[in-house]
C-alpha atoms as a PDB file:
ATOM      1  CA  MET A   1    -121.919  17.229 151.616  1.00  0.00           C
ATOM      2  CA  VAL A   2    -124.505  19.522 150.032  1.00  0.00           C
ATOM      3  CA  GLU A   3    -123.441  23.072 149.215  1.00  0.00           C
ATOM      4  CA  GLN A   4    -126.346  25.520 149.303  1.00  0.00           C
ATOM      5  CA  ILE A   5    -126.084  28.049 146.483  1.00  0.00           C
ATOM      6  CA  THR A   6    -128.394  30.721 145.097  1.00  0.00           C
ATOM      7  CA  ASP A   7    -128.645  32.618 141.837  1.00  0.00           C
ATOM      8  CA  LYS A   8    -128.552  36.403 141.345  1.00  0.00           C
ATOM      9  CA  LEU A   9    -132.148  36.669 142.536  1.00  0.00           C
ATOM     10  CA  GLY A  10    -131.578  34.592 145.673  1.00  0.00           C
ATOM     11  CA  ARG A  11    -133.220  31.413 144.355  1.00  0.00           C
ATOM     12  CA  PRO A  12    -131.803  28.032 145.440  1.00  0.00           C
ATOM     13  CA  ILE A  13    -131.496  25.053 143.110  1.00  0.00           C
ATOM     14  CA  ARG A  14    -133.733  22.083 143.915  1.00  0.00           C
ATOM     15  CA  ASP A  15    -134.898  20.545 140.640  1.00  0.00           C
ATOM     16  CA  LEU A  16    -133.250  19.179 137.500  1.00  0.00           C
ATOM     17  CA  ARG A  17    -135.118  18.629 134.247  1.00  0.00           C
ATOM     18  CA  LEU A  18    -133.522  16.269 131.749  1.00  0.00           C
ATOM     19  CA  SER A  19    -134.746  16.253 128.151  1.00  0.00           C
ATOM     20  CA  VAL A  20    -133.884  12.836 126.718  1.00  0.00           C
ATOM     21  CA  THR A  21    -135.024  13.372 123.110  1.00  0.00           C
ATOM     22  CA  ASP A  22    -136.180  16.110 120.745  1.00  0.00           C
ATOM     23  CA  ARG A  23    -138.570  13.756 118.920  1.00  0.00           C
ATOM     24  CA  CYS A  24    -142.306  13.400 119.468  1.00  0.00           C
ATOM     25  CA  ASN A  25    -145.117  11.306 118.007  1.00  0.00           C
ATOM     26  CA  PHE A  26    -147.612  14.207 118.333  1.00  0.00           C
ATOM     27  CA  ARG A  27    -147.643  17.479 116.391  1.00  0.00           C
ATOM     28  CA  CYS A  28    -149.415  19.820 118.782  1.00  0.00           C
ATOM     29  CA  ASP A  29    -149.557  23.379 117.464  1.00  0.00           C
ATOM     30  CA  TYR A  30    -148.351  24.939 120.730  1.00  0.00           C
ATOM     31  CA  CYS A  31    -145.177  22.824 120.785  1.00  0.00           C
ATOM     32  CA  MET A  32    -144.233  21.134 117.481  1.00  0.00           C
ATOM     33  CA  PRO A  33    -146.573  22.432 114.746  1.00  0.00           C
ATOM     34  CA  LYS A  34    -146.772  20.068 111.770  1.00  0.00           C
ATOM     35  CA  GLU A  35    -146.067  22.886 109.318  1.00  0.00           C
ATOM     36  CA  ILE A  36    -142.550  23.178 110.751  1.00  0.00           C
ATOM     37  CA  PHE A  37    -141.912  19.689 112.123  1.00  0.00           C
ATOM     38  CA  GLY A  38    -142.902  17.825 108.967  1.00  0.00           C
ATOM     39  CA  ASP A  39    -141.715  14.515 107.554  1.00  0.00           C
ATOM     40  CA  ASP A  40    -138.506  16.135 106.289  1.00  0.00           C
ATOM     41  CA  PHE A  41    -137.576  17.789 109.595  1.00  0.00           C
ATOM     42  CA  VAL A  42    -134.081  16.816 110.733  1.00  0.00           C
ATOM     43  CA  PHE A  43    -133.927  15.746 114.371  1.00  0.00           C
ATOM     44  CA  LEU A  44    -130.774  15.326 116.430  1.00  0.00           C
ATOM     45  CA  PRO A  45    -128.623  12.311 115.528  1.00  0.00           C
ATOM     46  CA  LYS A  46    -128.044   9.790 118.291  1.00  0.00           C
ATOM     47  CA  ASP A  47    -124.469  10.875 119.023  1.00  0.00           C
ATOM     48  CA  GLU A  48    -125.607  14.430 119.750  1.00  0.00           C
ATOM     49  CA  LEU A  49    -127.869  13.267 122.564  1.00  0.00           C
ATOM     50  CA  LEU A  50    -126.586  12.886 126.093  1.00  0.00           C
ATOM     51  CA  THR A  51    -126.040   9.240 126.993  1.00  0.00           C
ATOM     52  CA  PHE A  52    -127.717   7.775 130.066  1.00  0.00           C
ATOM     53  CA  ASP A  53    -124.338   7.555 131.803  1.00  0.00           C
ATOM     54  CA  GLU A  54    -123.745  11.247 131.097  1.00  0.00           C
ATOM     55  CA  MET A  55    -127.182  12.170 132.441  1.00  0.00           C
ATOM     56  CA  ALA A  56    -126.590  10.146 135.596  1.00  0.00           C
ATOM     57  CA  ARG A  57    -123.215  11.811 136.083  1.00  0.00           C
ATOM     58  CA  ILE A  58    -124.789  15.254 135.694  1.00  0.00           C
ATOM     59  CA  ALA A  59    -127.533  14.366 138.164  1.00  0.00           C
ATOM     60  CA  LYS A  60    -125.039  13.050 140.717  1.00  0.00           C
ATOM     61  CA  VAL A  61    -123.004  16.257 140.554  1.00  0.00           C
ATOM     62  CA  TYR A  62    -126.126  18.395 140.855  1.00  0.00           C
ATOM     63  CA  THR A  63    -127.156  16.634 144.072  1.00  0.00           C
ATOM     64  CA  GLN A  64    -124.072  18.204 145.651  1.00  0.00           C
ATOM     65  CA  LEU A  65    -125.719  21.587 145.037  1.00  0.00           C
ATOM     66  CA  GLY A  66    -129.077  20.676 146.529  1.00  0.00           C
ATOM     67  CA  VAL A  67    -130.983  19.022 143.691  1.00  0.00           C
ATOM     68  CA  LYS A  68    -133.465  16.509 145.104  1.00  0.00           C
ATOM     69  CA  LYS A  69    -136.008  16.175 142.298  1.00  0.00           C
ATOM     70  CA  ILE A  70    -135.418  15.049 138.721  1.00  0.00           C
ATOM     71  CA  ARG A  71    -137.977  15.154 135.933  1.00  0.00           C
ATOM     72  CA  ILE A  72    -137.533  13.339 132.624  1.00  0.00           C
ATOM     73  CA  THR A  73    -138.941  15.221 129.633  1.00  0.00           C
ATOM     74  CA  GLY A  74    -138.631  15.397 125.844  1.00  0.00           C
ATOM     75  CA  GLY A  75    -139.915  15.770 123.154  1.00  0.00           C
ATOM     76  CA  GLU A  76    -141.704  12.587 124.043  1.00  0.00           C
ATOM     77  CA  PRO A  77    -139.379  10.752 126.446  1.00  0.00           C
ATOM     78  CA  LEU A  78    -140.918   7.316 125.839  1.00  0.00           C
ATOM     79  CA  LEU A  79    -139.472   7.451 122.319  1.00  0.00           C
ATOM     80  CA  ARG A  80    -135.976   7.200 123.831  1.00  0.00           C
ATOM     81  CA  ARG A  81    -134.942   3.552 123.619  1.00  0.00           C
ATOM     82  CA  ASP A  82    -134.498   1.684 126.917  1.00  0.00           C
ATOM     83  CA  LEU A  83    -135.459   4.696 128.998  1.00  0.00           C
ATOM     84  CA  TYR A  84    -135.959   2.444 132.019  1.00  0.00           C
ATOM     85  CA  LYS A  85    -132.171   2.037 132.174  1.00  0.00           C
ATOM     86  CA  LEU A  86    -131.847   5.741 132.955  1.00  0.00           C
ATOM     87  CA  ILE A  87    -134.399   5.399 135.759  1.00  0.00           C
ATOM     88  CA  TYR A  88    -132.311   2.606 137.293  1.00  0.00           C
ATOM     89  CA  LYS A  89    -129.206   4.794 137.170  1.00  0.00           C
ATOM     90  CA  LEU A  90    -130.918   7.830 138.693  1.00  0.00           C
ATOM     91  CA  ASN A  91    -132.426   5.767 141.497  1.00  0.00           C
ATOM     92  CA  GLU A  92    -128.944   4.668 142.541  1.00  0.00           C
ATOM     93  CA  ILE A  93    -127.825   8.256 143.239  1.00  0.00           C
ATOM     94  CA  ASP A  94    -127.703   9.339 146.885  1.00  0.00           C
ATOM     95  CA  GLY A  95    -129.656  12.549 147.368  1.00  0.00           C
ATOM     96  CA  VAL A  96    -132.213  11.984 144.619  1.00  0.00           C
ATOM     97  CA  GLU A  97    -135.525  11.822 146.457  1.00  0.00           C
ATOM     98  CA  ASP A  98    -137.998  12.060 143.608  1.00  0.00           C
ATOM     99  CA  ILE A  99    -138.017  11.109 139.913  1.00  0.00           C
ATOM    100  CA  GLY A 100    -140.882  12.055 137.627  1.00  0.00           C
ATOM    101  CA  LEU A 101    -141.695  11.692 133.936  1.00  0.00           C
ATOM    102  CA  THR A 102    -143.755  13.936 131.650  1.00  0.00           C
ATOM    103  CA  THR A 103    -145.298  12.133 128.664  1.00  0.00           C
ATOM    104  CA  ASN A 104    -148.171  12.326 126.194  1.00  0.00           C
ATOM    105  CA  GLY A 105    -149.083   8.854 127.441  1.00  0.00           C
ATOM    106  CA  LEU A 106    -149.400   7.084 124.108  1.00  0.00           C
ATOM    107  CA  LEU A 107    -146.724   4.475 124.889  1.00  0.00           C
ATOM    108  CA  LEU A 108    -147.417   3.824 128.563  1.00  0.00           C
ATOM    109  CA  LYS A 109    -148.737   0.311 128.016  1.00  0.00           C
ATOM    110  CA  LYS A 110    -145.631  -0.510 126.003  1.00  0.00           C
ATOM    111  CA  HIS A 111    -143.056   0.843 128.448  1.00  0.00           C
ATOM    112  CA  GLY A 112    -144.853   1.437 131.749  1.00  0.00           C
ATOM    113  CA  GLN A 113    -144.053  -1.841 133.479  1.00  0.00           C
ATOM    114  CA  ASN A 114    -140.316  -1.609 132.757  1.00  0.00           C
ATOM    115  CA  LEU A 115    -140.278   1.964 134.055  1.00  0.00           C
ATOM    116  CA  TYR A 116    -142.160   0.969 137.197  1.00  0.00           C
ATOM    117  CA  ASN A 117    -139.819  -1.951 137.821  1.00  0.00           C
ATOM    118  CA  ALA A 118    -136.880   0.459 137.493  1.00  0.00           C
ATOM    119  CA  GLY A 119    -138.289   2.591 140.297  1.00  0.00           C
ATOM    120  CA  LEU A 120    -140.309   5.308 138.556  1.00  0.00           C
ATOM    121  CA  ARG A 121    -143.471   6.152 140.482  1.00  0.00           C
ATOM    122  CA  ARG A 122    -144.721   9.536 139.251  1.00  0.00           C
ATOM    123  CA  ILE A 123    -145.998  10.352 135.773  1.00  0.00           C
ATOM    124  CA  ASN A 124    -147.512  13.535 134.371  1.00  0.00           C
ATOM    125  CA  VAL A 125    -149.617  12.916 131.260  1.00  0.00           C
ATOM    126  CA  SER A 126    -150.337  15.753 128.832  1.00  0.00           C
ATOM    127  CA  LEU A 127    -153.960  15.571 127.671  1.00  0.00           C
ATOM    128  CA  ASP A 128    -155.532  18.698 126.191  1.00  0.00           C
ATOM    129  CA  ALA A 129    -159.122  17.527 125.679  1.00  0.00           C
ATOM    130  CA  ILE A 130    -161.465  14.715 126.600  1.00  0.00           C
ATOM    131  CA  ASP A 131    -163.484  15.057 123.396  1.00  0.00           C
ATOM    132  CA  ASP A 132    -161.949  12.976 120.606  1.00  0.00           C
ATOM    133  CA  GLU A 133    -162.568  15.532 117.865  1.00  0.00           C
ATOM    134  CA  VAL A 134    -161.056  18.397 119.831  1.00  0.00           C
ATOM    135  CA  PHE A 135    -158.072  16.299 120.902  1.00  0.00           C
ATOM    136  CA  GLN A 136    -157.360  15.038 117.388  1.00  0.00           C
ATOM    137  CA  ALA A 137    -157.397  18.600 116.076  1.00  0.00           C
ATOM    138  CA  ILE A 138    -154.727  19.484 118.651  1.00  0.00           C
ATOM    139  CA  ASN A 139    -152.381  16.484 118.309  1.00  0.00           C
ATOM    140  CA  ASN A 140    -152.602  16.369 114.491  1.00  0.00           C
ATOM    141  CA  ARG A 141    -151.987  12.621 114.545  1.00  0.00           C
ATOM    142  CA  ASN A 142    -155.564  11.304 114.602  1.00  0.00           C
ATOM    143  CA  ILE A 143    -155.062  10.026 118.148  1.00  0.00           C
ATOM    144  CA  LYS A 144    -158.242   9.824 120.200  1.00  0.00           C
ATOM    145  CA  ALA A 145    -158.530  11.079 123.753  1.00  0.00           C
ATOM    146  CA  ALA A 146    -160.041   7.715 124.647  1.00  0.00           C
ATOM    147  CA  THR A 147    -156.740   6.078 123.713  1.00  0.00           C
ATOM    148  CA  ILE A 148    -154.815   8.225 126.197  1.00  0.00           C
ATOM    149  CA  LEU A 149    -157.458   7.761 128.891  1.00  0.00           C
ATOM    150  CA  ASP A 150    -157.011   4.008 128.519  1.00  0.00           C
ATOM    151  CA  GLN A 151    -153.232   4.401 128.887  1.00  0.00           C
ATOM    152  CA  ILE A 152    -153.770   6.475 132.037  1.00  0.00           C
ATOM    153  CA  ASP A 153    -156.020   3.793 133.522  1.00  0.00           C
ATOM    154  CA  TYR A 154    -153.302   1.229 132.818  1.00  0.00           C
ATOM    155  CA  ALA A 155    -150.623   3.340 134.496  1.00  0.00           C
ATOM    156  CA  VAL A 156    -152.776   3.775 137.595  1.00  0.00           C
ATOM    157  CA  SER A 157    -153.544   0.050 137.669  1.00  0.00           C
ATOM    158  CA  ILE A 158    -149.868  -0.921 137.922  1.00  0.00           C
ATOM    159  CA  GLY A 159    -149.189   1.554 140.721  1.00  0.00           C
ATOM    160  CA  PHE A 160    -148.162   4.875 139.190  1.00  0.00           C
ATOM    161  CA  HIS A 161    -149.213   8.163 140.749  1.00  0.00           C
ATOM    162  CA  VAL A 162    -150.569  10.033 137.732  1.00  0.00           C
ATOM    163  CA  LYS A 163    -151.263  13.723 137.211  1.00  0.00           C
ATOM    164  CA  VAL A 164    -152.780  15.155 134.045  1.00  0.00           C
ATOM    165  CA  ASN A 165    -151.684  18.427 132.430  1.00  0.00           C
ATOM    166  CA  MET A 166    -153.889  20.399 130.034  1.00  0.00           C
ATOM    167  CA  VAL A 167    -152.666  23.460 128.117  1.00  0.00           C
ATOM    168  CA  VAL A 168    -155.702  25.709 127.663  1.00  0.00           C
ATOM    169  CA  GLN A 169    -156.137  27.840 124.538  1.00  0.00           C
ATOM    170  CA  LYS A 170    -159.068  30.189 124.030  1.00  0.00           C
ATOM    171  CA  GLY A 171    -161.318  29.018 121.225  1.00  0.00           C
ATOM    172  CA  VAL A 172    -159.392  25.755 120.871  1.00  0.00           C
ATOM    173  CA  ASN A 173    -160.069  23.662 123.962  1.00  0.00           C
ATOM    174  CA  ASP A 174    -161.394  25.939 126.705  1.00  0.00           C
ATOM    175  CA  SER A 175    -164.736  24.159 126.254  1.00  0.00           C
ATOM    176  CA  GLN A 176    -163.024  21.087 127.709  1.00  0.00           C
ATOM    177  CA  ILE A 177    -162.216  22.539 131.136  1.00  0.00           C
ATOM    178  CA  VAL A 178    -165.427  21.548 132.899  1.00  0.00           C
ATOM    179  CA  PRO A 179    -165.665  18.068 131.290  1.00  0.00           C
ATOM    180  CA  MET A 180    -162.038  17.390 132.233  1.00  0.00           C
ATOM    181  CA  VAL A 181    -162.633  18.487 135.826  1.00  0.00           C
ATOM    182  CA  GLN A 182    -165.678  16.235 136.051  1.00  0.00           C
ATOM    183  CA  TYR A 183    -163.968  13.179 134.553  1.00  0.00           C
ATOM    184  CA  PHE A 184    -160.834  13.319 136.668  1.00  0.00           C
ATOM    185  CA  LYS A 185    -162.738  14.264 139.807  1.00  0.00           C
ATOM    186  CA  GLU A 186    -164.579  10.959 139.494  1.00  0.00           C
ATOM    187  CA  LYS A 187    -161.275   9.151 138.869  1.00  0.00           C
ATOM    188  CA  HIS A 188    -159.581  10.920 141.811  1.00  0.00           C
ATOM    189  CA  ILE A 189    -156.751  11.890 139.455  1.00  0.00           C
ATOM    190  CA  GLU A 190    -155.236  15.342 139.831  1.00  0.00           C
ATOM    191  CA  ILE A 191    -155.515  17.543 136.740  1.00  0.00           C
ATOM    192  CA  ARG A 192    -153.663  20.812 136.231  1.00  0.00           C
ATOM    193  CA  PHE A 193    -154.769  23.489 133.789  1.00  0.00           C
ATOM    194  CA  ILE A 194    -151.892  25.455 132.277  1.00  0.00           C
ATOM    195  CA  GLU A 195    -152.181  28.934 130.823  1.00  0.00           C
ATOM    196  CA  PHE A 196    -151.025  28.939 127.185  1.00  0.00           C
ATOM    197  CA  MET A 197    -147.390  30.099 127.175  1.00  0.00           C
ATOM    198  CA  ASP A 198    -145.054  31.484 124.517  1.00  0.00           C
ATOM    199  CA  VAL A 199    -142.492  28.677 124.673  1.00  0.00           C
ATOM    200  CA  GLY A 200    -140.131  28.622 121.694  1.00  0.00           C
ATOM    201  CA  ASN A 201    -140.643  30.660 118.550  1.00  0.00           C
ATOM    202  CA  ASP A 202    -143.115  28.660 116.483  1.00  0.00           C
ATOM    203  CA  ASN A 203    -146.316  28.128 118.479  1.00  0.00           C
ATOM    204  CA  GLY A 204    -148.272  31.186 117.327  1.00  0.00           C
ATOM    205  CA  TRP A 205    -148.686  32.501 120.857  1.00  0.00           C
ATOM    206  CA  ASP A 206    -150.674  35.659 121.485  1.00  0.00           C
ATOM    207  CA  PHE A 207    -152.206  37.154 124.630  1.00  0.00           C
ATOM    208  CA  SER A 208    -155.631  36.849 123.023  1.00  0.00           C
ATOM    209  CA  LYS A 209    -155.306  33.045 123.121  1.00  0.00           C
ATOM    210  CA  VAL A 210    -154.641  32.910 126.872  1.00  0.00           C
ATOM    211  CA  VAL A 211    -157.396  31.773 129.217  1.00  0.00           C
ATOM    212  CA  SER A 212    -156.377  33.220 132.563  1.00  0.00           C
ATOM    213  CA  LYS A 213    -156.521  31.504 135.924  1.00  0.00           C
ATOM    214  CA  ALA A 214    -159.364  33.819 136.924  1.00  0.00           C
ATOM    215  CA  ASP A 215    -161.430  32.858 133.893  1.00  0.00           C
ATOM    216  CA  MET A 216    -160.747  29.149 134.365  1.00  0.00           C
ATOM    217  CA  LEU A 217    -161.641  29.360 138.030  1.00  0.00           C
ATOM    218  CA  ASN A 218    -164.909  31.123 137.222  1.00  0.00           C
ATOM    219  CA  MET A 219    -165.872  28.310 134.845  1.00  0.00           C
ATOM    220  CA  ILE A 220    -165.068  25.658 137.434  1.00  0.00           C
ATOM    221  CA  GLU A 221    -166.668  27.418 140.401  1.00  0.00           C
ATOM    222  CA  SER A 222    -169.910  27.792 138.463  1.00  0.00           C
ATOM    223  CA  ARG A 223    -170.223  23.993 138.387  1.00  0.00           C
ATOM    224  CA  PHE A 224    -168.340  22.632 141.386  1.00  0.00           C
ATOM    225  CA  ASP A 225    -168.115  23.263 145.137  1.00  0.00           C
ATOM    226  CA  ILE A 226    -164.395  23.815 145.743  1.00  0.00           C
ATOM    227  CA  SER A 227    -161.956  25.217 148.305  1.00  0.00           C
ATOM    228  CA  PRO A 228    -158.335  26.429 147.942  1.00  0.00           C
ATOM    229  CA  VAL A 229    -155.490  24.219 149.187  1.00  0.00           C
ATOM    230  CA  PRO A 230    -152.349  25.718 150.815  1.00  0.00           C
ATOM    231  CA  PRO A 231    -149.028  25.270 148.939  1.00  0.00           C
ATOM    232  CA  LYS A 232    -147.233  22.015 149.736  1.00  0.00           C
ATOM    233  CA  TYR A 233    -143.658  23.279 149.273  1.00  0.00           C
ATOM    234  CA  TYR A 234    -141.524  26.265 148.264  1.00  0.00           C
ATOM    235  CA  GLY A 235    -141.630  26.885 144.534  1.00  0.00           C
ATOM    236  CA  GLU A 236    -144.821  24.932 143.835  1.00  0.00           C
ATOM    237  CA  VAL A 237    -146.050  26.210 140.477  1.00  0.00           C
ATOM    238  CA  ALA A 238    -149.716  25.184 140.655  1.00  0.00           C
ATOM    239  CA  LYS A 239    -152.390  26.784 142.798  1.00  0.00           C
ATOM    240  CA  TYR A 240    -154.509  23.892 144.050  1.00  0.00           C
ATOM    241  CA  TYR A 241    -158.170  23.466 144.883  1.00  0.00           C
ATOM    242  CA  ARG A 242    -160.119  20.517 146.237  1.00  0.00           C
ATOM    243  CA  HIS A 243    -163.661  19.339 145.672  1.00  0.00           C
ATOM    244  CA  ASN A 244    -165.540  19.614 148.940  1.00  0.00           C
ATOM    245  CA  ASP A 245    -167.670  16.544 148.252  1.00  0.00           C
ATOM    246  CA  ASN A 246    -164.901  14.012 147.534  1.00  0.00           C
ATOM    247  CA  ASP A 247    -161.490  15.678 148.234  1.00  0.00           C
ATOM    248  CA  ALA A 248    -160.207  15.205 144.666  1.00  0.00           C
ATOM    249  CA  GLN A 249    -157.899  18.060 143.667  1.00  0.00           C
ATOM    250  CA  PHE A 250    -157.050  20.115 140.600  1.00  0.00           C
ATOM    251  CA  GLY A 251    -154.497  22.846 139.977  1.00  0.00           C
ATOM    252  CA  LEU A 252    -154.087  26.004 137.925  1.00  0.00           C
ATOM    253  CA  ILE A 253    -150.653  26.951 136.573  1.00  0.00           C
ATOM    254  CA  THR A 254    -150.456  30.703 136.024  1.00  0.00           C
ATOM    255  CA  SER A 255    -147.254  31.311 134.086  1.00  0.00           C
ATOM    256  CA  VAL A 256    -148.832  34.234 132.226  1.00  0.00           C
ATOM    257  CA  SER A 257    -151.314  35.958 134.534  1.00  0.00           C
ATOM    258  CA  GLN A 258    -149.447  35.421 137.838  1.00  0.00           C
ATOM    259  CA  SER A 259    -145.828  34.544 137.140  1.00  0.00           C
ATOM    260  CA  PHE A 260    -143.785  32.551 139.657  1.00  0.00           C
ATOM    261  CA  CYS A 261    -140.243  33.376 138.565  1.00  0.00           C
ATOM    262  CA  SER A 262    -139.284  34.523 142.063  1.00  0.00           C
ATOM    263  CA  THR A 263    -139.505  30.963 143.424  1.00  0.00           C
ATOM    264  CA  CYS A 264    -138.223  28.999 140.407  1.00  0.00           C
ATOM    265  CA  THR A 265    -135.618  26.430 141.478  1.00  0.00           C
ATOM    266  CA  ARG A 266    -135.195  24.485 138.198  1.00  0.00           C
ATOM    267  CA  ALA A 267    -132.094  23.790 136.148  1.00  0.00           C
ATOM    268  CA  ARG A 268    -132.683  22.334 132.681  1.00  0.00           C
ATOM    269  CA  LEU A 269    -130.585  20.177 130.369  1.00  0.00           C
ATOM    270  CA  SER A 270    -131.757  20.143 126.753  1.00  0.00           C
ATOM    271  CA  SER A 271    -131.768  17.010 124.618  1.00  0.00           C
ATOM    272  CA  ASP A 272    -128.526  18.139 122.956  1.00  0.00           C
ATOM    273  CA  GLY A 273    -126.817  18.586 126.321  1.00  0.00           C
ATOM    274  CA  LYS A 274    -127.014  22.314 126.992  1.00  0.00           C
ATOM    275  CA  PHE A 275    -127.767  24.043 130.295  1.00  0.00           C
ATOM    276  CA  TYR A 276    -130.670  26.468 130.504  1.00  0.00           C
ATOM    277  CA  GLY A 277    -131.853  28.363 133.540  1.00  0.00           C
ATOM    278  CA  CYS A 278    -135.366  28.938 132.246  1.00  0.00           C
ATOM    279  CA  LEU A 279    -138.054  27.322 130.089  1.00  0.00           C
ATOM    280  CA  PHE A 280    -138.002  30.528 128.040  1.00  0.00           C
ATOM    281  CA  SER A 281    -134.217  30.799 127.719  1.00  0.00           C
ATOM    282  CA  GLU A 282    -132.570  32.178 124.632  1.00  0.00           C
ATOM    283  CA  MET A 283    -131.273  29.633 122.154  1.00  0.00           C
ATOM    284  CA  ASP A 284    -127.590  29.320 123.086  1.00  0.00           C
ATOM    285  CA  GLY A 285    -127.209  27.547 126.413  1.00  0.00           C
ATOM    286  CA  PHE A 286    -123.912  26.400 127.911  1.00  0.00           C
ATOM    287  CA  ASN A 287    -122.805  23.178 126.183  1.00  0.00           C
ATOM    288  CA  VAL A 288    -122.456  20.756 129.089  1.00  0.00           C
ATOM    289  CA  LYS A 289    -122.128  17.794 126.729  1.00  0.00           C
ATOM    290  CA  SER A 290    -119.044  19.187 124.990  1.00  0.00           C
ATOM    291  CA  PHE A 291    -117.566  20.257 128.323  1.00  0.00           C
ATOM    292  CA  MET A 292    -117.993  16.747 129.739  1.00  0.00           C
ATOM    293  CA  ARG A 293    -116.691  15.026 126.635  1.00  0.00           C
ATOM    294  CA  SER A 294    -113.514  17.098 126.786  1.00  0.00           C
ATOM    295  CA  GLY A 295    -112.499  14.938 129.746  1.00  0.00           C
ATOM    296  CA  VAL A 296    -113.161  17.234 132.712  1.00  0.00           C
ATOM    297  CA  SER A 297    -113.349  15.915 136.267  1.00  0.00           C
ATOM    298  CA  ASP A 298    -116.500  15.797 138.385  1.00  0.00           C
ATOM    299  CA  ASN A 299    -115.097  18.648 140.461  1.00  0.00           C
ATOM    300  CA  ALA A 300    -114.650  20.795 137.350  1.00  0.00           C
ATOM    301  CA  LEU A 301    -118.213  19.958 136.362  1.00  0.00           C
ATOM    302  CA  LEU A 302    -119.409  20.932 139.837  1.00  0.00           C
ATOM    303  CA  GLU A 303    -117.622  24.277 139.665  1.00  0.00           C
ATOM    304  CA  GLN A 304    -119.116  24.944 136.235  1.00  0.00           C
ATOM    305  CA  PHE A 305    -122.639  24.192 137.454  1.00  0.00           C
ATOM    306  CA  LYS A 306    -122.063  26.511 140.418  1.00  0.00           C
ATOM    307  CA  ALA A 307    -120.892  29.294 138.124  1.00  0.00           C
ATOM    308  CA  LEU A 308    -123.890  28.867 135.816  1.00  0.00           C
ATOM    309  CA  TRP A 309    -126.305  29.077 138.729  1.00  0.00           C
ATOM    310  CA  HIS A 310    -124.563  32.043 140.347  1.00  0.00           C
ATOM    311  CA  ILE A 311    -125.051  34.148 137.184  1.00  0.00           C
ATOM    312  CA  ARG A 312    -128.641  33.015 136.588  1.00  0.00           C
ATOM    313  CA  ASP A 313    -131.023  35.968 136.493  1.00  0.00           C
ATOM    314  CA  ASP A 314    -133.849  34.619 134.307  1.00  0.00           C
ATOM    315  CA  ARG A 315    -137.297  36.025 135.036  1.00  0.00           C
ATOM    316  CA  TYR A 316    -138.934  35.802 131.639  1.00  0.00           C
ATOM    317  CA  SER A 317    -142.551  35.513 132.772  1.00  0.00           C
ATOM    318  CA  ASP A 318    -142.157  38.601 134.952  1.00  0.00           C
ATOM    319  CA  GLU A 319    -140.717  40.413 131.952  1.00  0.00           C
ATOM    320  CA  ARG A 320    -143.522  39.184 129.709  1.00  0.00           C
ATOM    321  CA  THR A 321    -145.989  40.700 132.134  1.00  0.00           C
ATOM    322  CA  GLU A 322    -144.025  43.933 132.023  1.00  0.00           C
ATOM    323  CA  GLN A 323    -144.139  43.767 128.194  1.00  0.00           C
ATOM    324  CA  THR A 324    -140.519  44.761 127.620  1.00  0.00           C
ATOM    325  CA  VAL A 325    -139.605  45.347 123.993  1.00  0.00           C
ATOM    326  CA  ALA A 326    -136.444  43.231 124.243  1.00  0.00           C
ATOM    327  CA  ASN A 327    -138.467  40.346 125.618  1.00  0.00           C
ATOM    328  CA  ARG A 328    -140.944  40.372 122.731  1.00  0.00           C
ATOM    329  CA  LYS A 329    -138.089  40.091 120.213  1.00  0.00           C
ATOM    330  CA  ARG A 330    -136.244  37.352 122.081  1.00  0.00           C
ATOM    331  CA  LYS A 331    -135.431  34.111 120.226  1.00  0.00           C
ATOM    332  CA  LYS A 332    -136.086  31.227 122.605  1.00  0.00           C
ATOM    333  CA  ILE A 333    -135.179  27.550 122.621  1.00  0.00           C
ATOM    334  CA  ASN A 334    -137.970  25.379 121.221  1.00  0.00           C
ATOM    335  CA  MET A 335    -139.975  23.229 123.608  1.00  0.00           C
ATOM    336  CA  ASN A 336    -139.101  19.879 122.010  1.00  0.00           C
ATOM    337  CA  TYR A 337    -135.455  20.437 123.039  1.00  0.00           C
ATOM    338  CA  ILE A 338    -136.086  21.498 126.618  1.00  0.00           C
ATOM    339  CA  GLY A 339    -139.373  19.937 127.734  1.00  0.00           C
ATOM    340  CA  GLY A 340    -142.190  21.542 129.696  1.00  0.00           C
END
């Protein structure tokens, strides 16, 4: 029996994002800058992470409130040992209709087959440039774009449906928009361009670094014959377009220039087991892990999740647009704990 609930702004809950680790093998400036996340940075110890059984229990309870989609995030989720075991557990839950994974793609050849065998079918790969020099300057790990492109080809070859995400920063990788469109058009792989967002507190975000949807679209329309595509479902974050000569699609995610808070249906669990109602939430979320480990029943967990959703009023991107003073001073959870 599914109980339909809404938050303070009338938004239902449909999606659950599970961060399985705070670690990453990249050091991208907009997420985990190397100056802060250096060799001496202390990550969460294993016992502070949610176990796979705990994640599956959380997911099962959330399906009673209408959650149908689950996305696995990080950090870099493929660094979590035996991640395929979590996929098996999630696939056994009645009500879960879709499981996705967001990854930088570096370890897909190592773990992809196990994940596919466990039932995972959808992968989003973060790739911020197709030029090796530009990409290496972003990931700060001397990893070539060609390496990730090879991993993507492998994932497609074994049956995964792959999308590519690119965070666009003015003066950093905006020169890569057209080449990325061209490459993935020919591959018939969907790419989504994401406006640079102020996630966390350490990524040096500024409005001047944002390339807006309008500017990106102008670049693309100057080179390609495209048409808009209607939204596929309520709460879809990307605005899609298709190439008129081969039907390949790409999307633009407008978190800054055209916020979509009013249709956000996502609950988030951080890698240390805390609930957050927004990607831009303040740092102290409700500690679901401690609550569970105190021995509460599934019904108590359900009631707690209901209460958390009923009081949810997050609309950070709307507030950013409104430029509220309180919003500019807000201390937010870092992206490696909560995922994208």
